[in-house]
Amino acid sequence: FEPRFEEALLLLGKAGQRIIVTGNENIGYTPIAGLPGIVTMLAQSLSLMGQDRSQKPDLVAVLREAGLASGDTIGLVGWKYLEGEEWDSAKPTFF
């Protein structure tokens, strides 16, 4: 799986759980990528700017749905621009 024009996250969780979080452009590619045991989740905040964000615009909510919680330890590389309506926290953090 190679996200071409938008960002994607690979979450490696407890007990071997593997989740790809991606936006509109790549949501259809993960099932055909041939990656065994992968769960795909839509987070439209990872979509290209100007694309629809009406279904799953809240990246924080998607990460919580994936099992991440306050106090969890993660490793993260990169950055992502978020529109004002995609972010309601005063601090530039997810949790």
PDB file of N, CA and C in Angstrom:
ATOM      1  N   PHE A   1       0.848  -1.183   0.000  1.00  0.00           N
ATOM      2  CA  PHE A   1       0.000   0.000   0.000  1.00  0.00           C
ATOM      3  C   PHE A   1       0.883   1.233   0.000  1.00  0.00           C
ATOM      4  N   GLU A   2       0.661   2.113  -0.953  1.00  0.00           N
ATOM      5  CA  GLU A   2       1.437   3.353  -1.046  1.00  0.00           C
ATOM      6  C   GLU A   2       0.482   4.528  -1.222  1.00  0.00           C
ATOM      7  N   PRO A   3       0.317   5.341  -0.178  1.00  0.00           N
ATOM      8  CA  PRO A   3      -0.533   6.526  -0.349  1.00  0.00           C
ATOM      9  C   PRO A   3       0.154   7.496  -1.305  1.00  0.00           C
ATOM     10  N   ARG A   4      -0.529   7.879  -2.352  1.00  0.00           N
ATOM     11  CA  ARG A   4       0.099   8.658  -3.405  1.00  0.00           C
ATOM     12  C   ARG A   4       0.015  10.161  -3.182  1.00  0.00           C
ATOM     13  N   PHE A   5      -1.162  10.684  -2.961  1.00  0.00           N
ATOM     14  CA  PHE A   5      -1.326  12.132  -2.921  1.00  0.00           C
ATOM     15  C   PHE A   5      -1.865  12.638  -1.592  1.00  0.00           C
ATOM     16  N   GLU A   6      -2.092  11.753  -0.664  1.00  0.00           N
ATOM     17  CA  GLU A   6      -2.581  12.172   0.640  1.00  0.00           C
ATOM     18  C   GLU A   6      -1.893  11.364   1.723  1.00  0.00           C
ATOM     19  N   GLU A   7      -2.000  11.841   2.936  1.00  0.00           N
ATOM     20  CA  GLU A   7      -1.358  11.169   4.053  1.00  0.00           C
ATOM     21  C   GLU A   7      -2.143   9.926   4.462  1.00  0.00           C
ATOM     22  N   ALA A   8      -1.449   9.026   5.133  1.00  0.00           N
ATOM     23  CA  ALA A   8      -2.069   7.840   5.716  1.00  0.00           C
ATOM     24  C   ALA A   8      -1.281   7.482   6.970  1.00  0.00           C
ATOM     25  N   LEU A   9      -1.943   6.804   7.886  1.00  0.00           N
ATOM     26  CA  LEU A   9      -1.301   6.353   9.117  1.00  0.00           C
ATOM     27  C   LEU A   9      -1.374   4.840   9.188  1.00  0.00           C
ATOM     28  N   LEU A  10      -0.310   4.219   9.653  1.00  0.00           N
ATOM     29  CA  LEU A  10      -0.317   2.793   9.959  1.00  0.00           C
ATOM     30  C   LEU A  10      -0.217   2.679  11.468  1.00  0.00           C
ATOM     31  N   LEU A  11      -1.255   2.148  12.081  1.00  0.00           N
ATOM     32  CA  LEU A  11      -1.275   1.958  13.531  1.00  0.00           C
ATOM     33  C   LEU A  11      -0.974   0.498  13.822  1.00  0.00           C
ATOM     34  N   LEU A  12       0.051   0.264  14.609  1.00  0.00           N
ATOM     35  CA  LEU A  12       0.416  -1.088  15.026  1.00  0.00           C
ATOM     36  C   LEU A  12       0.050  -1.205  16.496  1.00  0.00           C
ATOM     37  N   GLY A  13      -0.961  -2.008  16.781  1.00  0.00           N
ATOM     38  CA  GLY A  13      -1.493  -2.048  18.131  1.00  0.00           C
ATOM     39  C   GLY A  13      -1.173  -3.314  18.883  1.00  0.00           C
ATOM     40  N   LYS A  14      -1.794  -3.404  20.012  1.00  0.00           N
ATOM     41  CA  LYS A  14      -1.625  -4.554  20.889  1.00  0.00           C
ATOM     42  C   LYS A  14      -2.145  -5.812  20.206  1.00  0.00           C
ATOM     43  N   ALA A  15      -1.538  -6.920  20.515  1.00  0.00           N
ATOM     44  CA  ALA A  15      -1.949  -8.232  19.989  1.00  0.00           C
ATOM     45  C   ALA A  15      -1.899  -8.287  18.464  1.00  0.00           C
ATOM     46  N   GLY A  16      -0.959  -7.545  17.860  1.00  0.00           N
ATOM     47  CA  GLY A  16      -0.775  -7.615  16.418  1.00  0.00           C
ATOM     48  C   GLY A  16      -1.783  -6.851  15.583  1.00  0.00           C
ATOM     49  N   GLN A  17      -2.598  -6.032  16.203  1.00  0.00           N
ATOM     50  CA  GLN A  17      -3.599  -5.258  15.471  1.00  0.00           C
ATOM     51  C   GLN A  17      -2.916  -4.296  14.506  1.00  0.00           C
ATOM     52  N   ARG A  18      -3.418  -4.239  13.258  1.00  0.00           N
ATOM     53  CA  ARG A  18      -2.871  -3.340  12.239  1.00  0.00           C
ATOM     54  C   ARG A  18      -4.016  -2.581  11.583  1.00  0.00           C
ATOM     55  N   ILE A  19      -3.929  -1.254  11.641  1.00  0.00           N
ATOM     56  CA  ILE A  19      -4.984  -0.398  11.101  1.00  0.00           C
ATOM     57  C   ILE A  19      -4.349   0.636  10.187  1.00  0.00           C
ATOM     58  N   ILE A  20      -4.913   0.802   8.995  1.00  0.00           N
ATOM     59  CA  ILE A  20      -4.528   1.905   8.125  1.00  0.00           C
ATOM     60  C   ILE A  20      -5.629   2.951   8.215  1.00  0.00           C
ATOM     61  N   VAL A  21      -5.235   4.169   8.559  1.00  0.00           N
ATOM     62  CA  VAL A  21      -6.153   5.307   8.592  1.00  0.00           C
ATOM     63  C   VAL A  21      -5.800   6.168   7.394  1.00  0.00           C
ATOM     64  N   THR A  22      -6.767   6.399   6.530  1.00  0.00           N
ATOM     65  CA  THR A  22      -6.498   7.131   5.299  1.00  0.00           C
ATOM     66  C   THR A  22      -7.692   7.995   4.920  1.00  0.00           C
ATOM     67  N   GLY A  23      -7.489   8.841   3.931  1.00  0.00           N
ATOM     68  CA  GLY A  23      -8.541   9.738   3.471  1.00  0.00           C
ATOM     69  C   GLY A  23      -9.288   9.197   2.269  1.00  0.00           C
ATOM     70  N   ASN A  24     -10.039  10.080   1.633  1.00  0.00           N
ATOM     71  CA  ASN A  24     -10.912   9.709   0.517  1.00  0.00           C
ATOM     72  C   ASN A  24     -10.172   9.040  -0.634  1.00  0.00           C
ATOM     73  N   GLU A  25      -9.024   9.574  -1.000  1.00  0.00           N
ATOM     74  CA  GLU A  25      -8.296   9.118  -2.184  1.00  0.00           C
ATOM     75  C   GLU A  25      -7.871   7.652  -2.091  1.00  0.00           C
ATOM     76  N   ASN A  26      -7.457   7.218  -0.905  1.00  0.00           N
ATOM     77  CA  ASN A  26      -6.874   5.880  -0.760  1.00  0.00           C
ATOM     78  C   ASN A  26      -7.774   4.850  -0.096  1.00  0.00           C
ATOM     79  N   ILE A  27      -8.953   5.232   0.343  1.00  0.00           N
ATOM     80  CA  ILE A  27      -9.813   4.300   1.077  1.00  0.00           C
ATOM     81  C   ILE A  27     -10.140   3.056   0.244  1.00  0.00           C
ATOM     82  N   GLY A  28     -10.233   3.188  -1.059  1.00  0.00           N
ATOM     83  CA  GLY A  28     -10.543   2.048  -1.920  1.00  0.00           C
ATOM     84  C   GLY A  28      -9.348   1.178  -2.259  1.00  0.00           C
ATOM     85  N   TYR A  29      -8.140   1.657  -1.988  1.00  0.00           N
ATOM     86  CA  TYR A  29      -6.944   0.893  -2.346  1.00  0.00           C
ATOM     87  C   TYR A  29      -6.499  -0.089  -1.269  1.00  0.00           C
ATOM     88  N   THR A  30      -6.806   0.180  -0.022  1.00  0.00           N
ATOM     89  CA  THR A  30      -6.315  -0.708   1.032  1.00  0.00           C
ATOM     90  C   THR A  30      -6.878  -2.121   0.935  1.00  0.00           C
ATOM     91  N   PRO A  31      -8.150  -2.323   0.559  1.00  0.00           N
ATOM     92  CA  PRO A  31      -8.636  -3.707   0.454  1.00  0.00           C
ATOM     93  C   PRO A  31      -7.951  -4.514  -0.647  1.00  0.00           C
ATOM     94  N   ILE A  32      -7.465  -3.853  -1.688  1.00  0.00           N
ATOM     95  CA  ILE A  32      -6.841  -4.586  -2.793  1.00  0.00           C
ATOM     96  C   ILE A  32      -5.316  -4.605  -2.692  1.00  0.00           C
ATOM     97  N   ALA A  33      -4.771  -4.050  -1.610  1.00  0.00           N
ATOM     98  CA  ALA A  33      -3.316  -3.988  -1.453  1.00  0.00           C
ATOM     99  C   ALA A  33      -2.708  -5.335  -1.073  1.00  0.00           C
ATOM    100  N   GLY A  34      -3.535  -6.282  -0.644  1.00  0.00           N
ATOM    101  CA  GLY A  34      -3.020  -7.601  -0.301  1.00  0.00           C
ATOM    102  C   GLY A  34      -2.317  -7.672   1.039  1.00  0.00           C
ATOM    103  N   LEU A  35      -2.635  -6.766   1.935  1.00  0.00           N
ATOM    104  CA  LEU A  35      -2.021  -6.759   3.262  1.00  0.00           C
ATOM    105  C   LEU A  35      -2.906  -7.559   4.213  1.00  0.00           C
ATOM    106  N   PRO A  36      -2.431  -8.707   4.684  1.00  0.00           N
ATOM    107  CA  PRO A  36      -3.279  -9.549   5.538  1.00  0.00           C
ATOM    108  C   PRO A  36      -3.545  -8.910   6.901  1.00  0.00           C
ATOM    109  N   GLY A  37      -4.776  -9.046   7.355  1.00  0.00           N
ATOM    110  CA  GLY A  37      -5.136  -8.595   8.691  1.00  0.00           C
ATOM    111  C   GLY A  37      -5.238  -7.096   8.874  1.00  0.00           C
ATOM    112  N   ILE A  38      -5.312  -6.339   7.793  1.00  0.00           N
ATOM    113  CA  ILE A  38      -5.387  -4.878   7.881  1.00  0.00           C
ATOM    114  C   ILE A  38      -6.842  -4.440   8.004  1.00  0.00           C
ATOM    115  N   VAL A  39      -7.093  -3.547   8.940  1.00  0.00           N
ATOM    116  CA  VAL A  39      -8.385  -2.883   9.070  1.00  0.00           C
ATOM    117  C   VAL A  39      -8.206  -1.475   8.513  1.00  0.00           C
ATOM    118  N   THR A  40      -9.144  -1.017   7.706  1.00  0.00           N
ATOM    119  CA  THR A  40      -9.063   0.318   7.113  1.00  0.00           C
ATOM    120  C   THR A  40     -10.087   1.231   7.762  1.00  0.00           C
ATOM    121  N   MET A  41      -9.644   2.429   8.128  1.00  0.00           N
ATOM    122  CA  MET A  41     -10.538   3.424   8.716  1.00  0.00           C
ATOM    123  C   MET A  41     -10.414   4.727   7.933  1.00  0.00           C
ATOM    124  N   LEU A  42     -11.547   5.370   7.695  1.00  0.00           N
ATOM    125  CA  LEU A  42     -11.582   6.644   6.988  1.00  0.00           C
ATOM    126  C   LEU A  42     -11.426   7.800   7.964  1.00  0.00           C
ATOM    127  N   ALA A  43     -10.496   8.688   7.656  1.00  0.00           N
ATOM    128  CA  ALA A  43     -10.335   9.957   8.377  1.00  0.00           C
ATOM    129  C   ALA A  43     -10.160  11.025   7.310  1.00  0.00           C
ATOM    130  N   GLN A  44     -11.224  11.737   7.013  1.00  0.00           N
ATOM    131  CA  GLN A  44     -11.189  12.677   5.900  1.00  0.00           C
ATOM    132  C   GLN A  44     -10.271  13.869   6.141  1.00  0.00           C
ATOM    133  N   SER A  45      -9.790  14.061   7.352  1.00  0.00           N
ATOM    134  CA  SER A  45      -8.783  15.089   7.599  1.00  0.00           C
ATOM    135  C   SER A  45      -7.481  14.763   6.875  1.00  0.00           C
ATOM    136  N   LEU A  46      -7.287  13.504   6.498  1.00  0.00           N
ATOM    137  CA  LEU A  46      -6.095  13.105   5.753  1.00  0.00           C
ATOM    138  C   LEU A  46      -6.282  13.259   4.249  1.00  0.00           C
ATOM    139  N   SER A  47      -7.470  13.648   3.812  1.00  0.00           N
ATOM    140  CA  SER A  47      -7.745  13.843   2.390  1.00  0.00           C
ATOM    141  C   SER A  47      -7.066  15.108   1.880  1.00  0.00           C
ATOM    142  N   LEU A  48      -6.979  15.197   0.566  1.00  0.00           N
ATOM    143  CA  LEU A  48      -6.437  16.398  -0.046  1.00  0.00           C
ATOM    144  C   LEU A  48      -7.293  17.604   0.316  1.00  0.00           C
ATOM    145  N   MET A  49      -6.663  18.758   0.394  1.00  0.00           N
ATOM    146  CA  MET A  49      -7.404  19.980   0.693  1.00  0.00           C
ATOM    147  C   MET A  49      -8.475  20.193  -0.370  1.00  0.00           C
ATOM    148  N   GLY A  50      -9.639  20.636   0.053  1.00  0.00           N
ATOM    149  CA  GLY A  50     -10.729  20.903  -0.867  1.00  0.00           C
ATOM    150  C   GLY A  50     -11.645  19.715  -1.104  1.00  0.00           C
ATOM    151  N   GLN A  51     -11.289  18.524  -0.609  1.00  0.00           N
ATOM    152  CA  GLN A  51     -12.159  17.362  -0.780  1.00  0.00           C
ATOM    153  C   GLN A  51     -13.193  17.297   0.335  1.00  0.00           C
ATOM    154  N   ASP A  52     -14.234  16.515   0.088  1.00  0.00           N
ATOM    155  CA  ASP A  52     -15.324  16.347   1.045  1.00  0.00           C
ATOM    156  C   ASP A  52     -14.808  15.853   2.392  1.00  0.00           C
ATOM    157  N   ARG A  53     -15.301  16.470   3.461  1.00  0.00           N
ATOM    158  CA  ARG A  53     -14.961  16.063   4.820  1.00  0.00           C
ATOM    159  C   ARG A  53     -16.230  15.909   5.663  1.00  0.00           C
ATOM    160  N   SER A  54     -17.346  15.620   5.024  1.00  0.00           N
ATOM    161  CA  SER A  54     -18.625  15.602   5.730  1.00  0.00           C
ATOM    162  C   SER A  54     -18.911  14.296   6.467  1.00  0.00           C
ATOM    163  N   GLN A  55     -18.212  13.195   6.154  1.00  0.00           N
ATOM    164  CA  GLN A  55     -18.499  11.914   6.799  1.00  0.00           C
ATOM    165  C   GLN A  55     -17.672  11.689   8.061  1.00  0.00           C
ATOM    166  N   LYS A  56     -16.367  11.812   7.969  1.00  0.00           N
ATOM    167  CA  LYS A  56     -15.450  11.551   9.089  1.00  0.00           C
ATOM    168  C   LYS A  56     -14.387  12.641   9.137  1.00  0.00           C
ATOM    169  N   PRO A  57     -14.764  13.875   9.503  1.00  0.00           N
ATOM    170  CA  PRO A  57     -13.800  14.971   9.464  1.00  0.00           C
ATOM    171  C   PRO A  57     -12.891  15.060  10.685  1.00  0.00           C
ATOM    172  N   ASP A  58     -13.191  14.332  11.739  1.00  0.00           N
ATOM    173  CA  ASP A  58     -12.496  14.503  13.016  1.00  0.00           C
ATOM    174  C   ASP A  58     -11.441  13.410  13.209  1.00  0.00           C
ATOM    175  N   LEU A  59     -10.176  13.739  12.945  1.00  0.00           N
ATOM    176  CA  LEU A  59      -9.088  12.771  13.072  1.00  0.00           C
ATOM    177  C   LEU A  59      -8.960  12.257  14.501  1.00  0.00           C
ATOM    178  N   VAL A  60      -9.147  13.119  15.476  1.00  0.00           N
ATOM    179  CA  VAL A  60      -9.052  12.704  16.879  1.00  0.00           C
ATOM    180  C   VAL A  60     -10.089  11.626  17.188  1.00  0.00           C
ATOM    181  N   ALA A  61     -11.318  11.810  16.711  1.00  0.00           N
ATOM    182  CA  ALA A  61     -12.375  10.816  16.947  1.00  0.00           C
ATOM    183  C   ALA A  61     -12.032   9.485  16.286  1.00  0.00           C
ATOM    184  N   VAL A  62     -11.455   9.518  15.094  1.00  0.00           N
ATOM    185  CA  VAL A  62     -11.076   8.284  14.401  1.00  0.00           C
ATOM    186  C   VAL A  62      -9.957   7.574  15.164  1.00  0.00           C
ATOM    187  N   LEU A  63      -8.982   8.323  15.663  1.00  0.00           N
ATOM    188  CA  LEU A  63      -7.904   7.708  16.441  1.00  0.00           C
ATOM    189  C   LEU A  63      -8.438   7.083  17.726  1.00  0.00           C
ATOM    190  N   ARG A  64      -9.391   7.734  18.357  1.00  0.00           N
ATOM    191  CA  ARG A  64     -10.014   7.146  19.554  1.00  0.00           C
ATOM    192  C   ARG A  64     -10.790   5.884  19.191  1.00  0.00           C
ATOM    193  N   GLU A  65     -11.505   5.928  18.074  1.00  0.00           N
ATOM    194  CA  GLU A  65     -12.247   4.757  17.596  1.00  0.00           C
ATOM    195  C   GLU A  65     -11.294   3.593  17.302  1.00  0.00           C
ATOM    196  N   ALA A  66     -10.074   3.913  16.888  1.00  0.00           N
ATOM    197  CA  ALA A  66      -9.063   2.886  16.611  1.00  0.00           C
ATOM    198  C   ALA A  66      -8.461   2.314  17.889  1.00  0.00           C
ATOM    199  N   GLY A  67      -8.747   2.941  19.027  1.00  0.00           N
ATOM    200  CA  GLY A  67      -8.263   2.410  20.293  1.00  0.00           C
ATOM    201  C   GLY A  67      -7.223   3.253  21.003  1.00  0.00           C
ATOM    202  N   LEU A  68      -6.802   4.366  20.411  1.00  0.00           N
ATOM    203  CA  LEU A  68      -5.841   5.239  21.086  1.00  0.00           C
ATOM    204  C   LEU A  68      -6.544   6.024  22.183  1.00  0.00           C
ATOM    205  N   ALA A  69      -5.853   6.188  23.287  1.00  0.00           N
ATOM    206  CA  ALA A  69      -6.435   6.908  24.417  1.00  0.00           C
ATOM    207  C   ALA A  69      -5.388   7.809  25.050  1.00  0.00           C
ATOM    208  N   SER A  70      -5.854   8.749  25.811  1.00  0.00           N
ATOM    209  CA  SER A  70      -4.965   9.641  26.538  1.00  0.00           C
ATOM    210  C   SER A  70      -4.021   8.811  27.402  1.00  0.00           C
ATOM    211  N   GLY A  71      -2.734   9.130  27.345  1.00  0.00           N
ATOM    212  CA  GLY A  71      -1.740   8.399  28.115  1.00  0.00           C
ATOM    213  C   GLY A  71      -1.036   7.303  27.339  1.00  0.00           C
ATOM    214  N   ASP A  72      -1.546   6.932  26.159  1.00  0.00           N
ATOM    215  CA  ASP A  72      -0.878   5.933  25.325  1.00  0.00           C
ATOM    216  C   ASP A  72       0.430   6.501  24.787  1.00  0.00           C
ATOM    217  N   THR A  73       1.401   5.641  24.576  1.00  0.00           N
ATOM    218  CA  THR A  73       2.676   6.037  23.999  1.00  0.00           C
ATOM    219  C   THR A  73       2.651   5.735  22.511  1.00  0.00           C
ATOM    220  N   ILE A  74       3.012   6.732  21.698  1.00  0.00           N
ATOM    221  CA  ILE A  74       3.026   6.553  20.247  1.00  0.00           C
ATOM    222  C   ILE A  74       4.307   7.141  19.675  1.00  0.00           C
ATOM    223  N   GLY A  75       4.629   6.758  18.455  1.00  0.00           N
ATOM    224  CA  GLY A  75       5.689   7.393  17.685  1.00  0.00           C
ATOM    225  C   GLY A  75       5.043   8.006  16.458  1.00  0.00           C
ATOM    226  N   LEU A  76       5.426   9.217  16.098  1.00  0.00           N
ATOM    227  CA  LEU A  76       4.789   9.914  14.987  1.00  0.00           C
ATOM    228  C   LEU A  76       5.828  10.720  14.232  1.00  0.00           C
ATOM    229  N   VAL A  77       5.774  10.638  12.905  1.00  0.00           N
ATOM    230  CA  VAL A  77       6.664  11.414  12.054  1.00  0.00           C
ATOM    231  C   VAL A  77       5.802  12.139  11.034  1.00  0.00           C
ATOM    232  N   GLY A  78       6.031  13.423  10.845  1.00  0.00           N
ATOM    233  CA  GLY A  78       5.328  14.162   9.812  1.00  0.00           C
ATOM    234  C   GLY A  78       4.476  15.285  10.364  1.00  0.00           C
ATOM    235  N   TRP A  79       3.681  15.853   9.481  1.00  0.00           N
ATOM    236  CA  TRP A  79       2.805  16.949   9.842  1.00  0.00           C
ATOM    237  C   TRP A  79       1.575  16.890   8.952  1.00  0.00           C
ATOM    238  N   LYS A  80       0.533  17.612   9.332  1.00  0.00           N
ATOM    239  CA  LYS A  80      -0.682  17.673   8.533  1.00  0.00           C
ATOM    240  C   LYS A  80      -1.379  18.996   8.780  1.00  0.00           C
ATOM    241  N   TYR A  81      -1.746  19.682   7.710  1.00  0.00           N
ATOM    242  CA  TYR A  81      -2.519  20.911   7.795  1.00  0.00           C
ATOM    243  C   TYR A  81      -3.975  20.552   8.073  1.00  0.00           C
ATOM    244  N   LEU A  82      -4.590  21.210   9.050  1.00  0.00           N
ATOM    245  CA  LEU A  82      -5.998  20.986   9.365  1.00  0.00           C
ATOM    246  C   LEU A  82      -6.764  22.288   9.219  1.00  0.00           C
ATOM    247  N   GLU A  83      -7.944  22.209   8.648  1.00  0.00           N
ATOM    248  CA  GLU A  83      -8.842  23.354   8.559  1.00  0.00           C
ATOM    249  C   GLU A  83      -9.391  23.664   9.948  1.00  0.00           C
ATOM    250  N   GLY A  84      -9.855  24.877  10.158  1.00  0.00           N
ATOM    251  CA  GLY A  84     -10.382  25.293  11.447  1.00  0.00           C
ATOM    252  C   GLY A  84     -11.500  24.411  11.965  1.00  0.00           C
ATOM    253  N   GLU A  85     -12.394  23.963  11.090  1.00  0.00           N
ATOM    254  CA  GLU A  85     -13.518  23.129  11.523  1.00  0.00           C
ATOM    255  C   GLU A  85     -13.106  21.696  11.850  1.00  0.00           C
ATOM    256  N   GLU A  86     -11.861  21.328  11.559  1.00  0.00           N
ATOM    257  CA  GLU A  86     -11.366  19.990  11.871  1.00  0.00           C
ATOM    258  C   GLU A  86     -10.641  19.947  13.210  1.00  0.00           C
ATOM    259  N   TRP A  87     -10.548  21.074  13.880  1.00  0.00           N
ATOM    260  CA  TRP A  87      -9.743  21.161  15.093  1.00  0.00           C
ATOM    261  C   TRP A  87     -10.451  22.042  16.104  1.00  0.00           C
ATOM    262  N   ASP A  88     -10.783  21.497  17.263  1.00  0.00           N
ATOM    263  CA  ASP A  88     -11.477  22.317  18.253  1.00  0.00           C
ATOM    264  C   ASP A  88     -10.696  22.472  19.551  1.00  0.00           C
ATOM    265  N   SER A  89      -9.445  22.063  19.562  1.00  0.00           N
ATOM    266  CA  SER A  89      -8.618  22.151  20.757  1.00  0.00           C
ATOM    267  C   SER A  89      -7.761  23.410  20.727  1.00  0.00           C
ATOM    268  N   ALA A  90      -7.495  23.956  21.890  1.00  0.00           N
ATOM    269  CA  ALA A  90      -6.646  25.145  21.971  1.00  0.00           C
ATOM    270  C   ALA A  90      -5.174  24.795  21.792  1.00  0.00           C
ATOM    271  N   LYS A  91      -4.795  23.549  22.100  1.00  0.00           N
ATOM    272  CA  LYS A  91      -3.399  23.125  22.005  1.00  0.00           C
ATOM    273  C   LYS A  91      -3.171  22.331  20.721  1.00  0.00           C
ATOM    274  N   PRO A  92      -1.970  22.405  20.164  1.00  0.00           N
ATOM    275  CA  PRO A  92      -1.676  21.650  18.941  1.00  0.00           C
ATOM    276  C   PRO A  92      -1.311  20.194  19.232  1.00  0.00           C
ATOM    277  N   THR A  93      -2.202  19.483  19.908  1.00  0.00           N
ATOM    278  CA  THR A  93      -1.991  18.074  20.221  1.00  0.00           C
ATOM    279  C   THR A  93      -3.287  17.325  19.974  1.00  0.00           C
ATOM    280  N   PHE A  94      -3.203  16.013  19.893  1.00  0.00           N
ATOM    281  CA  PHE A  94      -4.397  15.218  19.657  1.00  0.00           C
ATOM    282  C   PHE A  94      -5.106  14.823  20.934  1.00  0.00           C
ATOM    283  N   PHE A  95      -4.371  14.687  22.044  1.00  0.00           N
ATOM    284  CA  PHE A  95      -5.005  14.250  23.288  1.00  0.00           C
ATOM    285  C   PHE A  95      -4.597  15.136  24.430  1.00  0.00           C
TER     286      PHE A  95
END
